[in-house]
Amino acid sequence: MVHYLIRRLLLGIFTLLLITFVVYALIRHMPGTPLTTDPAMMNPSRMPSPEDIERRAKLYGLDKPWHIAYFIWLGNTLQGDLGNSIPKNNAPVTRLIAERVPATLMLSVTSLLLTYLLSIPIGLWATVKSGSFAERVVSTALYMLYSMPAFVAALYLQLLFYSRLGWLPLFGMRSDNYETLSASAQLWDLFKHALLPVICFTYGSLAYYSRFIYANMQETVRQDYVRTARAKGVPPARVIWHHAFRNTLIPLVTLMGLTLPSLLGGAVILEQIFSWPGMGRLYFEAIGQRDYETIMGLTLMFSILTLGGQLLADVLYAIVDPRVTYN
């Protein structure tokens, strides 16, 4: 196992270098720079002179070729410095990311917990009721939910609960008078603002995981050891939970490891629709402003989470199934 982990870590480092190199090349070849995408520059009276732009480009190192600038960025990153955001008044990238992490975690962790807490019972219930009218209705509803894009659902929910009913706020994370509210009122305010984004974050993965568990259970309950347990008179609930479901944990645990990047990645489109101040919206803003340092900082973080999630999935796979060995 140790040798396998070392090999995976070395491969992960190489993959990480390749990802950051390609992404840096792509963003440096996008039209515009952090110095020329300021909306204020649309006003001719505030347009800086070419000499001023050139001077600032030298100051921030934007005059260097992209491949040289990449290795400068890499060297600073290895020292723990992700750089400063030029469009955001030279604010440190680490601070910008740290400020957005809690908002994204509020949505992603809640969504992840709801997904697993609901999908497992739904999947097991569908297995027990397989072929019945109720199971087919639920399966059809899950298919419909999984096929509906989250951004479409977000717009419909906003129209229903804000425009028509007026029950929930349209966007944002807090109300304007949030600071003047009591503690319980602040929690209620956060709940109302987070409800629609959490629903949009959750329903697609809930439908997928429920169908995933159901499909794996359908295969497992046909195995000989399950039929043997039933023939011995084992109660149906114990057959489903103890004998069948335990063996479906192997692919489920693998998926759990792969969901690690989503904890901080969020959803760029959804956070933009709901004006949610999370990581996804920060990424969207950074691309629009050609904020190279912030884009690279977020790309690095998401890449590490993705590679770490894949490694975690492999390790959990071996823990859940003792037959799997990486020696």
C-alpha atoms as a PDB file:
ATOM      1  CA  MET A   1       0.000   0.000   0.000  1.00  0.00           C
ATOM      2  CA  VAL A   2       2.829   2.425   0.838  1.00  0.00           C
ATOM      3  CA  HIS A   3       4.510   1.899  -2.515  1.00  0.00           C
ATOM      4  CA  TYR A   4       1.176   2.364  -4.268  1.00  0.00           C
ATOM      5  CA  LEU A   5       0.542   5.635  -2.418  1.00  0.00           C
ATOM      6  CA  ILE A   6       4.011   6.905  -3.337  1.00  0.00           C
ATOM      7  CA  ARG A   7       3.428   6.082  -7.009  1.00  0.00           C
ATOM      8  CA  ARG A   8       0.038   7.788  -6.962  1.00  0.00           C
ATOM      9  CA  LEU A   9       1.463  10.873  -5.261  1.00  0.00           C
ATOM     10  CA  LEU A  10       4.229  11.166  -7.847  1.00  0.00           C
ATOM     11  CA  LEU A  11       1.729  10.701 -10.657  1.00  0.00           C
ATOM     12  CA  GLY A  12      -0.545  13.258  -9.009  1.00  0.00           C
ATOM     13  CA  ILE A  13       2.258  15.839  -8.834  1.00  0.00           C
ATOM     14  CA  PHE A  14       3.036  15.343 -12.509  1.00  0.00           C
ATOM     15  CA  THR A  15      -0.668  15.630 -13.397  1.00  0.00           C
ATOM     16  CA  LEU A  16      -0.987  18.761 -11.282  1.00  0.00           C
ATOM     17  CA  LEU A  17       1.945  20.399 -13.057  1.00  0.00           C
ATOM     18  CA  LEU A  18       0.471  19.503 -16.431  1.00  0.00           C
ATOM     19  CA  ILE A  19      -2.977  20.871 -15.529  1.00  0.00           C
ATOM     20  CA  THR A  20      -1.655  24.175 -14.219  1.00  0.00           C
ATOM     21  CA  PHE A  21       0.691  24.564 -17.196  1.00  0.00           C
ATOM     22  CA  VAL A  22      -2.121  24.056 -19.734  1.00  0.00           C
ATOM     23  CA  VAL A  23      -4.589  26.276 -17.855  1.00  0.00           C
ATOM     24  CA  TYR A  24      -2.031  29.052 -17.499  1.00  0.00           C
ATOM     25  CA  ALA A  25      -1.309  28.891 -21.220  1.00  0.00           C
ATOM     26  CA  LEU A  26      -5.017  29.103 -22.038  1.00  0.00           C
ATOM     27  CA  ILE A  27      -5.815  32.052 -19.793  1.00  0.00           C
ATOM     28  CA  ARG A  28      -2.789  34.023 -20.950  1.00  0.00           C
ATOM     29  CA  HIS A  29      -3.976  33.624 -24.542  1.00  0.00           C
ATOM     30  CA  MET A  30      -7.476  34.946 -23.781  1.00  0.00           C
ATOM     31  CA  PRO A  31      -8.228  38.399 -25.234  1.00  0.00           C
ATOM     32  CA  GLY A  32      -7.594  41.168 -22.747  1.00  0.00           C
ATOM     33  CA  THR A  33      -5.540  41.415 -19.570  1.00  0.00           C
ATOM     34  CA  PRO A  34      -6.302  42.373 -15.959  1.00  0.00           C
ATOM     35  CA  LEU A  35      -5.328  45.929 -16.952  1.00  0.00           C
ATOM     36  CA  THR A  36      -7.732  46.238 -19.891  1.00  0.00           C
ATOM     37  CA  THR A  37     -10.954  44.587 -18.638  1.00  0.00           C
ATOM     38  CA  ASP A  38     -11.923  47.243 -16.083  1.00  0.00           C
ATOM     39  CA  PRO A  39     -15.486  48.462 -16.867  1.00  0.00           C
ATOM     40  CA  ALA A  40     -14.379  51.974 -15.926  1.00  0.00           C
ATOM     41  CA  MET A  41     -12.118  51.947 -18.980  1.00  0.00           C
ATOM     42  CA  MET A  42     -15.236  52.043 -21.177  1.00  0.00           C
ATOM     43  CA  ASN A  43     -15.324  55.736 -20.301  1.00  0.00           C
ATOM     44  CA  PRO A  44     -12.918  57.472 -22.741  1.00  0.00           C
ATOM     45  CA  SER A  45     -12.129  60.163 -20.178  1.00  0.00           C
ATOM     46  CA  ARG A  46     -10.784  57.525 -17.790  1.00  0.00           C
ATOM     47  CA  MET A  47      -8.894  55.531 -20.383  1.00  0.00           C
ATOM     48  CA  PRO A  48      -5.221  55.213 -19.319  1.00  0.00           C
ATOM     49  CA  SER A  49      -2.550  56.060 -21.810  1.00  0.00           C
ATOM     50  CA  PRO A  50      -0.604  53.276 -23.599  1.00  0.00           C
ATOM     51  CA  GLU A  51       2.486  54.318 -21.665  1.00  0.00           C
ATOM     52  CA  ASP A  52       0.647  53.911 -18.354  1.00  0.00           C
ATOM     53  CA  ILE A  53      -0.636  50.468 -19.368  1.00  0.00           C
ATOM     54  CA  GLU A  54       2.876  49.418 -20.383  1.00  0.00           C
ATOM     55  CA  ARG A  55       4.318  50.689 -17.111  1.00  0.00           C
ATOM     56  CA  ARG A  56       1.744  48.783 -15.060  1.00  0.00           C
ATOM     57  CA  ALA A  57       2.262  45.665 -17.173  1.00  0.00           C
ATOM     58  CA  LYS A  58       5.964  45.716 -16.274  1.00  0.00           C
ATOM     59  CA  LEU A  59       5.095  46.350 -12.629  1.00  0.00           C
ATOM     60  CA  TYR A  60       2.877  43.249 -12.455  1.00  0.00           C
ATOM     61  CA  GLY A  61       5.029  41.085 -14.703  1.00  0.00           C
ATOM     62  CA  LEU A  62       2.456  40.937 -17.502  1.00  0.00           C
ATOM     63  CA  ASP A  63       5.074  41.897 -20.084  1.00  0.00           C
ATOM     64  CA  LYS A  64       6.886  38.580 -19.726  1.00  0.00           C
ATOM     65  CA  PRO A  65       6.161  35.620 -22.062  1.00  0.00           C
ATOM     66  CA  TRP A  66       3.519  33.307 -20.651  1.00  0.00           C
ATOM     67  CA  HIS A  67       5.843  30.320 -20.208  1.00  0.00           C
ATOM     68  CA  ILE A  68       8.295  32.380 -18.189  1.00  0.00           C
ATOM     69  CA  ALA A  69       5.465  33.903 -16.165  1.00  0.00           C
ATOM     70  CA  TYR A  70       4.168  30.399 -15.420  1.00  0.00           C
ATOM     71  CA  PHE A  71       7.421  29.295 -13.825  1.00  0.00           C
ATOM     72  CA  ILE A  72       7.518  32.516 -11.815  1.00  0.00           C
ATOM     73  CA  TRP A  73       3.996  31.731 -10.589  1.00  0.00           C
ATOM     74  CA  LEU A  74       5.008  28.145  -9.855  1.00  0.00           C
ATOM     75  CA  GLY A  75       8.029  29.232  -7.853  1.00  0.00           C
ATOM     76  CA  ASN A  76       5.948  31.635  -5.772  1.00  0.00           C
ATOM     77  CA  THR A  77       3.284  28.959  -5.240  1.00  0.00           C
ATOM     78  CA  LEU A  78       5.845  26.468  -3.953  1.00  0.00           C
ATOM     79  CA  GLN A  79       6.754  29.105  -1.358  1.00  0.00           C
ATOM     80  CA  GLY A  80       3.104  29.408  -0.308  1.00  0.00           C
ATOM     81  CA  ASP A  81       2.380  32.647  -2.172  1.00  0.00           C
ATOM     82  CA  LEU A  82      -0.553  32.475  -4.613  1.00  0.00           C
ATOM     83  CA  GLY A  83      -0.054  36.085  -5.604  1.00  0.00           C
ATOM     84  CA  ASN A  84      -2.355  39.099  -5.523  1.00  0.00           C
ATOM     85  CA  SER A  85      -5.481  39.881  -7.501  1.00  0.00           C
ATOM     86  CA  ILE A  86      -4.848  42.889  -9.739  1.00  0.00           C
ATOM     87  CA  PRO A  87      -8.539  43.673 -10.480  1.00  0.00           C
ATOM     88  CA  LYS A  88      -9.395  43.459  -6.783  1.00  0.00           C
ATOM     89  CA  ASN A  89      -6.940  46.119  -5.598  1.00  0.00           C
ATOM     90  CA  ASN A  90      -4.045  43.699  -5.182  1.00  0.00           C
ATOM     91  CA  ALA A  91      -5.882  41.682  -2.525  1.00  0.00           C
ATOM     92  CA  PRO A  92      -4.085  38.407  -1.659  1.00  0.00           C
ATOM     93  CA  VAL A  93      -5.600  35.465  -3.515  1.00  0.00           C
ATOM     94  CA  THR A  94      -5.467  33.307  -0.394  1.00  0.00           C
ATOM     95  CA  ARG A  95      -7.627  35.835   1.438  1.00  0.00           C
ATOM     96  CA  LEU A  96     -10.130  36.059  -1.420  1.00  0.00           C
ATOM     97  CA  ILE A  97     -10.487  32.278  -1.508  1.00  0.00           C
ATOM     98  CA  ALA A  98     -10.725  31.979   2.283  1.00  0.00           C
ATOM     99  CA  GLU A  99     -13.539  34.541   2.336  1.00  0.00           C
ATOM    100  CA  ARG A 100     -15.592  32.490  -0.147  1.00  0.00           C
ATOM    101  CA  VAL A 101     -15.051  29.025   1.345  1.00  0.00           C
ATOM    102  CA  PRO A 102     -17.708  29.246   4.143  1.00  0.00           C
ATOM    103  CA  ALA A 103     -20.467  30.269   1.726  1.00  0.00           C
ATOM    104  CA  THR A 104     -19.732  27.375  -0.625  1.00  0.00           C
ATOM    105  CA  LEU A 105     -19.402  24.880   2.229  1.00  0.00           C
ATOM    106  CA  MET A 106     -22.804  25.955   3.532  1.00  0.00           C
ATOM    107  CA  LEU A 107     -24.385  24.828   0.271  1.00  0.00           C
ATOM    108  CA  SER A 108     -22.199  21.873  -0.670  1.00  0.00           C
ATOM    109  CA  VAL A 109     -22.008  20.153   2.723  1.00  0.00           C
ATOM    110  CA  THR A 110     -25.751  20.569   3.284  1.00  0.00           C
ATOM    111  CA  SER A 111     -26.441  19.237  -0.198  1.00  0.00           C
ATOM    112  CA  LEU A 112     -24.093  16.293   0.270  1.00  0.00           C
ATOM    113  CA  LEU A 113     -25.617  15.308   3.605  1.00  0.00           C
ATOM    114  CA  LEU A 114     -29.150  15.542   2.229  1.00  0.00           C
ATOM    115  CA  THR A 115     -28.158  13.523  -0.825  1.00  0.00           C
ATOM    116  CA  TYR A 116     -26.829  10.578   1.179  1.00  0.00           C
ATOM    117  CA  LEU A 117     -29.457  10.751   3.918  1.00  0.00           C
ATOM    118  CA  LEU A 118     -32.263  10.612   1.347  1.00  0.00           C
ATOM    119  CA  SER A 119     -30.822   8.593  -1.545  1.00  0.00           C
ATOM    120  CA  ILE A 120     -29.951   5.510   0.526  1.00  0.00           C
ATOM    121  CA  PRO A 121     -33.474   5.035   1.957  1.00  0.00           C
ATOM    122  CA  ILE A 122     -35.032   5.780  -1.446  1.00  0.00           C
ATOM    123  CA  GLY A 123     -32.742   3.295  -3.187  1.00  0.00           C
ATOM    124  CA  LEU A 124     -33.414   0.567  -0.628  1.00  0.00           C
ATOM    125  CA  TRP A 125     -37.167   1.250  -0.666  1.00  0.00           C
ATOM    126  CA  ALA A 126     -37.200   1.044  -4.479  1.00  0.00           C
ATOM    127  CA  THR A 127     -35.400  -2.316  -4.247  1.00  0.00           C
ATOM    128  CA  VAL A 128     -37.955  -3.725  -1.836  1.00  0.00           C
ATOM    129  CA  LYS A 129     -40.879  -2.368  -3.912  1.00  0.00           C
ATOM    130  CA  SER A 130     -39.292  -3.250  -7.266  1.00  0.00           C
ATOM    131  CA  GLY A 131     -41.894  -3.642 -10.017  1.00  0.00           C
ATOM    132  CA  SER A 132     -44.720  -2.065  -8.044  1.00  0.00           C
ATOM    133  CA  PHE A 133     -46.708   0.944  -9.239  1.00  0.00           C
ATOM    134  CA  ALA A 134     -45.279   3.158  -6.453  1.00  0.00           C
ATOM    135  CA  GLU A 135     -41.700   2.218  -7.364  1.00  0.00           C
ATOM    136  CA  ARG A 136     -42.289   3.023 -11.031  1.00  0.00           C
ATOM    137  CA  VAL A 137     -43.783   6.402 -10.157  1.00  0.00           C
ATOM    138  CA  VAL A 138     -40.786   7.256  -7.956  1.00  0.00           C
ATOM    139  CA  SER A 139     -38.316   6.011 -10.586  1.00  0.00           C
ATOM    140  CA  THR A 140     -39.999   8.113 -13.266  1.00  0.00           C
ATOM    141  CA  ALA A 141     -39.867  11.175 -11.012  1.00  0.00           C
ATOM    142  CA  LEU A 142     -36.172  10.559 -10.366  1.00  0.00           C
ATOM    143  CA  TYR A 143     -35.482  10.285 -14.094  1.00  0.00           C
ATOM    144  CA  MET A 144     -37.278  13.566 -14.691  1.00  0.00           C
ATOM    145  CA  LEU A 145     -35.346  15.316 -11.920  1.00  0.00           C
ATOM    146  CA  TYR A 146     -32.020  14.007 -13.179  1.00  0.00           C
ATOM    147  CA  SER A 147     -32.746  15.154 -16.740  1.00  0.00           C
ATOM    148  CA  MET A 148     -33.704  18.713 -15.751  1.00  0.00           C
ATOM    149  CA  PRO A 149     -30.759  21.168 -15.831  1.00  0.00           C
ATOM    150  CA  ALA A 150     -30.158  22.817 -12.478  1.00  0.00           C
ATOM    151  CA  PHE A 151     -30.097  26.345 -13.904  1.00  0.00           C
ATOM    152  CA  VAL A 152     -33.542  25.819 -15.480  1.00  0.00           C
ATOM    153  CA  ALA A 153     -34.922  24.592 -12.156  1.00  0.00           C
ATOM    154  CA  ALA A 154     -33.343  27.600 -10.437  1.00  0.00           C
ATOM    155  CA  LEU A 155     -35.151  30.042 -12.719  1.00  0.00           C
ATOM    156  CA  TYR A 156     -38.502  28.294 -12.279  1.00  0.00           C
ATOM    157  CA  LEU A 157     -38.093  28.190  -8.499  1.00  0.00           C
ATOM    158  CA  GLN A 158     -37.281  31.890  -8.436  1.00  0.00           C
ATOM    159  CA  LEU A 159     -40.375  32.655 -10.486  1.00  0.00           C
ATOM    160  CA  LEU A 160     -42.557  30.554  -8.204  1.00  0.00           C
ATOM    161  CA  PHE A 161     -41.293  31.338  -4.717  1.00  0.00           C
ATOM    162  CA  TYR A 162     -40.243  34.962  -5.264  1.00  0.00           C
ATOM    163  CA  SER A 163     -42.311  36.429  -8.088  1.00  0.00           C
ATOM    164  CA  ARG A 164     -45.566  34.536  -7.577  1.00  0.00           C
ATOM    165  CA  LEU A 165     -45.673  33.601  -3.883  1.00  0.00           C
ATOM    166  CA  GLY A 166     -43.185  36.061  -2.373  1.00  0.00           C
ATOM    167  CA  TRP A 167     -42.106  33.515   0.220  1.00  0.00           C
ATOM    168  CA  LEU A 168     -38.344  33.430  -0.376  1.00  0.00           C
ATOM    169  CA  PRO A 169     -35.714  36.027  -1.347  1.00  0.00           C
ATOM    170  CA  LEU A 170     -34.541  36.173  -4.938  1.00  0.00           C
ATOM    171  CA  PHE A 171     -30.784  36.114  -4.464  1.00  0.00           C
ATOM    172  CA  GLY A 172     -27.931  36.795  -2.059  1.00  0.00           C
ATOM    173  CA  MET A 173     -26.877  35.160   1.170  1.00  0.00           C
ATOM    174  CA  ARG A 174     -28.221  37.667   3.691  1.00  0.00           C
ATOM    175  CA  SER A 175     -30.786  40.426   3.903  1.00  0.00           C
ATOM    176  CA  ASP A 176     -29.756  44.075   4.110  1.00  0.00           C
ATOM    177  CA  ASN A 177     -30.784  44.254   7.775  1.00  0.00           C
ATOM    178  CA  TYR A 178     -29.026  41.004   8.711  1.00  0.00           C
ATOM    179  CA  GLU A 179     -26.696  42.626  11.244  1.00  0.00           C
ATOM    180  CA  THR A 180     -29.609  44.118  13.184  1.00  0.00           C
ATOM    181  CA  LEU A 181     -31.449  40.806  13.576  1.00  0.00           C
ATOM    182  CA  SER A 182     -31.352  38.533  16.611  1.00  0.00           C
ATOM    183  CA  ALA A 183     -29.439  35.237  16.478  1.00  0.00           C
ATOM    184  CA  SER A 184     -32.525  33.156  15.749  1.00  0.00           C
ATOM    185  CA  ALA A 185     -33.691  35.666  13.132  1.00  0.00           C
ATOM    186  CA  GLN A 186     -30.255  35.544  11.481  1.00  0.00           C
ATOM    187  CA  LEU A 187     -30.439  31.744  11.243  1.00  0.00           C
ATOM    188  CA  TRP A 188     -33.911  31.987   9.718  1.00  0.00           C
ATOM    189  CA  ASP A 189     -32.677  34.600   7.262  1.00  0.00           C
ATOM    190  CA  LEU A 190     -29.772  32.371   6.188  1.00  0.00           C
ATOM    191  CA  PHE A 191     -32.153  29.426   5.857  1.00  0.00           C
ATOM    192  CA  LYS A 192     -34.510  31.348   3.570  1.00  0.00           C
ATOM    193  CA  HIS A 193     -31.678  32.542   1.348  1.00  0.00           C
ATOM    194  CA  ALA A 194     -30.012  29.107   1.175  1.00  0.00           C
ATOM    195  CA  LEU A 195     -33.148  27.017   0.611  1.00  0.00           C
ATOM    196  CA  LEU A 196     -33.487  27.434  -3.154  1.00  0.00           C
ATOM    197  CA  PRO A 197     -29.742  27.064  -3.897  1.00  0.00           C
ATOM    198  CA  VAL A 198     -29.582  23.915  -1.742  1.00  0.00           C
ATOM    199  CA  ILE A 199     -32.569  22.428  -3.584  1.00  0.00           C
ATOM    200  CA  CYS A 200     -30.916  23.110  -6.938  1.00  0.00           C
ATOM    201  CA  PHE A 201     -27.619  21.698  -5.693  1.00  0.00           C
ATOM    202  CA  THR A 202     -29.265  18.568  -4.313  1.00  0.00           C
ATOM    203  CA  TYR A 203     -32.026  17.241  -6.533  1.00  0.00           C
ATOM    204  CA  GLY A 204     -29.815  16.110  -9.440  1.00  0.00           C
ATOM    205  CA  SER A 205     -27.342  14.201  -7.295  1.00  0.00           C
ATOM    206  CA  LEU A 206     -30.176  12.824  -5.168  1.00  0.00           C
ATOM    207  CA  ALA A 207     -31.844  11.369  -8.259  1.00  0.00           C
ATOM    208  CA  TYR A 208     -28.547   9.961  -9.545  1.00  0.00           C
ATOM    209  CA  TYR A 209     -27.489   8.355  -6.274  1.00  0.00           C
ATOM    210  CA  SER A 210     -30.934   6.881  -5.668  1.00  0.00           C
ATOM    211  CA  ARG A 211     -30.940   5.264  -9.104  1.00  0.00           C
ATOM    212  CA  PHE A 212     -27.316   4.193  -8.633  1.00  0.00           C
ATOM    213  CA  ILE A 213     -28.091   2.422  -5.357  1.00  0.00           C
ATOM    214  CA  TYR A 214     -31.221   0.851  -6.835  1.00  0.00           C
ATOM    215  CA  ALA A 215     -29.354  -0.470  -9.897  1.00  0.00           C
ATOM    216  CA  ASN A 216     -26.567  -1.970  -7.775  1.00  0.00           C
ATOM    217  CA  MET A 217     -29.045  -3.491  -5.345  1.00  0.00           C
ATOM    218  CA  GLN A 218     -30.960  -5.085  -8.218  1.00  0.00           C
ATOM    219  CA  GLU A 219     -27.794  -6.865  -9.254  1.00  0.00           C
ATOM    220  CA  THR A 220     -26.825  -7.805  -5.711  1.00  0.00           C
ATOM    221  CA  VAL A 221     -30.169  -9.331  -4.663  1.00  0.00           C
ATOM    222  CA  ARG A 222     -29.832 -11.847  -7.501  1.00  0.00           C
ATOM    223  CA  GLN A 223     -26.596 -13.244  -6.109  1.00  0.00           C
ATOM    224  CA  ASP A 224     -26.498 -16.789  -4.708  1.00  0.00           C
ATOM    225  CA  TYR A 225     -25.609 -15.737  -1.167  1.00  0.00           C
ATOM    226  CA  VAL A 226     -28.688 -13.499  -0.994  1.00  0.00           C
ATOM    227  CA  ARG A 227     -30.950 -16.296  -2.206  1.00  0.00           C
ATOM    228  CA  THR A 228     -29.320 -18.602   0.339  1.00  0.00           C
ATOM    229  CA  ALA A 229     -29.977 -16.128   3.156  1.00  0.00           C
ATOM    230  CA  ARG A 230     -33.623 -15.915   2.141  1.00  0.00           C
ATOM    231  CA  ALA A 231     -33.910 -19.709   1.957  1.00  0.00           C
ATOM    232  CA  LYS A 232     -32.574 -19.953   5.517  1.00  0.00           C
ATOM    233  CA  GLY A 233     -35.413 -17.736   6.735  1.00  0.00           C
ATOM    234  CA  VAL A 234     -33.430 -14.552   7.358  1.00  0.00           C
ATOM    235  CA  PRO A 235     -35.854 -11.615   7.770  1.00  0.00           C
ATOM    236  CA  PRO A 236     -36.245  -9.550   4.557  1.00  0.00           C
ATOM    237  CA  ALA A 237     -35.031  -6.346   6.220  1.00  0.00           C
ATOM    238  CA  ARG A 238     -31.839  -8.053   7.382  1.00  0.00           C
ATOM    239  CA  VAL A 239     -31.296  -9.577   3.931  1.00  0.00           C
ATOM    240  CA  ILE A 240     -31.555  -6.162   2.295  1.00  0.00           C
ATOM    241  CA  TRP A 241     -29.563  -4.177   4.857  1.00  0.00           C
ATOM    242  CA  HIS A 242     -26.972  -6.625   6.151  1.00  0.00           C
ATOM    243  CA  HIS A 243     -26.305  -8.904   3.181  1.00  0.00           C
ATOM    244  CA  ALA A 244     -27.161  -6.947   0.033  1.00  0.00           C
ATOM    245  CA  PHE A 245     -26.536  -3.299   0.926  1.00  0.00           C
ATOM    246  CA  ARG A 246     -23.129  -3.918   2.461  1.00  0.00           C
ATOM    247  CA  ASN A 247     -21.877  -5.167  -0.902  1.00  0.00           C
ATOM    248  CA  THR A 248     -23.209  -2.131  -2.739  1.00  0.00           C
ATOM    249  CA  LEU A 249     -21.065   0.059  -0.483  1.00  0.00           C
ATOM    250  CA  ILE A 250     -18.022  -0.620  -2.674  1.00  0.00           C
ATOM    251  CA  PRO A 251     -19.096   1.458  -5.709  1.00  0.00           C
ATOM    252  CA  LEU A 252     -20.932   3.909  -3.431  1.00  0.00           C
ATOM    253  CA  VAL A 253     -17.789   4.614  -1.400  1.00  0.00           C
ATOM    254  CA  THR A 254     -15.890   5.150  -4.642  1.00  0.00           C
ATOM    255  CA  LEU A 255     -18.397   7.812  -5.639  1.00  0.00           C
ATOM    256  CA  MET A 256     -18.122   9.413  -2.193  1.00  0.00           C
ATOM    257  CA  GLY A 257     -14.409   9.943  -2.705  1.00  0.00           C
ATOM    258  CA  LEU A 258     -14.988  11.512  -6.107  1.00  0.00           C
ATOM    259  CA  THR A 259     -17.449  14.042  -4.650  1.00  0.00           C
ATOM    260  CA  LEU A 260     -14.678  15.710  -2.625  1.00  0.00           C
ATOM    261  CA  PRO A 261     -13.984  18.430  -5.245  1.00  0.00           C
ATOM    262  CA  SER A 262     -17.637  19.491  -5.168  1.00  0.00           C
ATOM    263  CA  LEU A 263     -17.344  20.459  -1.497  1.00  0.00           C
ATOM    264  CA  LEU A 264     -15.413  23.580  -2.436  1.00  0.00           C
ATOM    265  CA  GLY A 265     -15.994  23.751  -6.146  1.00  0.00           C
ATOM    266  CA  GLY A 266     -19.638  24.666  -5.908  1.00  0.00           C
ATOM    267  CA  ALA A 267     -21.528  25.395  -9.117  1.00  0.00           C
ATOM    268  CA  VAL A 268     -20.462  28.389 -11.150  1.00  0.00           C
ATOM    269  CA  ILE A 269     -23.805  28.891 -12.899  1.00  0.00           C
ATOM    270  CA  LEU A 270     -25.986  28.347  -9.831  1.00  0.00           C
ATOM    271  CA  GLU A 271     -23.957  30.666  -7.619  1.00  0.00           C
ATOM    272  CA  GLN A 272     -24.122  33.280 -10.347  1.00  0.00           C
ATOM    273  CA  ILE A 273     -27.916  32.917 -10.711  1.00  0.00           C
ATOM    274  CA  PHE A 274     -28.493  33.240  -6.972  1.00  0.00           C
ATOM    275  CA  SER A 275     -25.683  35.800  -6.482  1.00  0.00           C
ATOM    276  CA  TRP A 276     -24.277  33.458  -3.851  1.00  0.00           C
ATOM    277  CA  PRO A 277     -20.830  34.678  -2.692  1.00  0.00           C
ATOM    278  CA  GLY A 278     -19.065  31.333  -3.048  1.00  0.00           C
ATOM    279  CA  MET A 279     -16.142  29.789  -4.875  1.00  0.00           C
ATOM    280  CA  GLY A 280     -18.035  29.247  -8.110  1.00  0.00           C
ATOM    281  CA  ARG A 281     -19.001  32.896  -8.390  1.00  0.00           C
ATOM    282  CA  LEU A 282     -15.438  33.961  -7.574  1.00  0.00           C
ATOM    283  CA  TYR A 283     -14.203  31.767 -10.429  1.00  0.00           C
ATOM    284  CA  PHE A 284     -16.757  33.328 -12.773  1.00  0.00           C
ATOM    285  CA  GLU A 285     -15.728  36.833 -11.765  1.00  0.00           C
ATOM    286  CA  ALA A 286     -12.030  36.005 -12.116  1.00  0.00           C
ATOM    287  CA  ILE A 287     -12.486  34.758 -15.676  1.00  0.00           C
ATOM    288  CA  GLY A 288     -14.429  37.860 -16.676  1.00  0.00           C
ATOM    289  CA  GLN A 289     -11.776  40.145 -15.178  1.00  0.00           C
ATOM    290  CA  ARG A 290      -8.842  38.097 -16.562  1.00  0.00           C
ATOM    291  CA  ASP A 291      -7.675  37.741 -12.980  1.00  0.00           C
ATOM    292  CA  TYR A 292      -4.836  35.323 -13.696  1.00  0.00           C
ATOM    293  CA  GLU A 293      -3.687  34.843 -10.119  1.00  0.00           C
ATOM    294  CA  THR A 294      -7.162  34.065  -8.775  1.00  0.00           C
ATOM    295  CA  ILE A 295      -7.944  31.701 -11.666  1.00  0.00           C
ATOM    296  CA  MET A 296      -4.723  29.800 -11.066  1.00  0.00           C
ATOM    297  CA  GLY A 297      -5.252  29.693  -7.304  1.00  0.00           C
ATOM    298  CA  LEU A 298      -8.735  28.232  -7.715  1.00  0.00           C
ATOM    299  CA  THR A 299      -7.592  25.845 -10.451  1.00  0.00           C
ATOM    300  CA  LEU A 300      -4.796  24.602  -8.227  1.00  0.00           C
ATOM    301  CA  MET A 301      -7.168  24.039  -5.314  1.00  0.00           C
ATOM    302  CA  PHE A 302      -9.800  22.257  -7.408  1.00  0.00           C
ATOM    303  CA  SER A 303      -7.155  20.081  -9.074  1.00  0.00           C
ATOM    304  CA  ILE A 304      -5.678  19.040  -5.732  1.00  0.00           C
ATOM    305  CA  LEU A 305      -9.160  18.184  -4.451  1.00  0.00           C
ATOM    306  CA  THR A 306      -9.954  16.154  -7.570  1.00  0.00           C
ATOM    307  CA  LEU A 307      -6.721  14.170  -7.445  1.00  0.00           C
ATOM    308  CA  GLY A 308      -7.050  13.755  -3.670  1.00  0.00           C
ATOM    309  CA  GLY A 309     -10.628  12.551  -4.082  1.00  0.00           C
ATOM    310  CA  GLN A 310      -9.573   9.910  -6.604  1.00  0.00           C
ATOM    311  CA  LEU A 311      -6.821   8.705  -4.290  1.00  0.00           C
ATOM    312  CA  LEU A 312      -9.228   8.656  -1.348  1.00  0.00           C
ATOM    313  CA  ALA A 313     -11.724   6.631  -3.413  1.00  0.00           C
ATOM    314  CA  ASP A 314      -9.063   4.009  -4.157  1.00  0.00           C
ATOM    315  CA  VAL A 315      -8.041   3.775  -0.502  1.00  0.00           C
ATOM    316  CA  LEU A 316     -11.666   3.506   0.679  1.00  0.00           C
ATOM    317  CA  TYR A 317     -12.274   0.844  -1.975  1.00  0.00           C
ATOM    318  CA  ALA A 318      -9.540  -1.300  -0.444  1.00  0.00           C
ATOM    319  CA  ILE A 319     -10.859  -0.699   3.085  1.00  0.00           C
ATOM    320  CA  VAL A 320     -14.441  -1.652   2.230  1.00  0.00           C
ATOM    321  CA  ASP A 321     -13.462  -4.716   0.163  1.00  0.00           C
ATOM    322  CA  PRO A 322     -10.639  -6.708   1.816  1.00  0.00           C
ATOM    323  CA  ARG A 323     -10.179  -8.656  -1.418  1.00  0.00           C
ATOM    324  CA  VAL A 324      -8.731  -5.519  -3.076  1.00  0.00           C
ATOM    325  CA  THR A 325      -5.025  -5.047  -2.532  1.00  0.00           C
ATOM    326  CA  TYR A 326      -2.554  -2.589  -4.002  1.00  0.00           C
ATOM    327  CA  ASN A 327       0.593  -4.452  -3.024  1.00  0.00           C
END
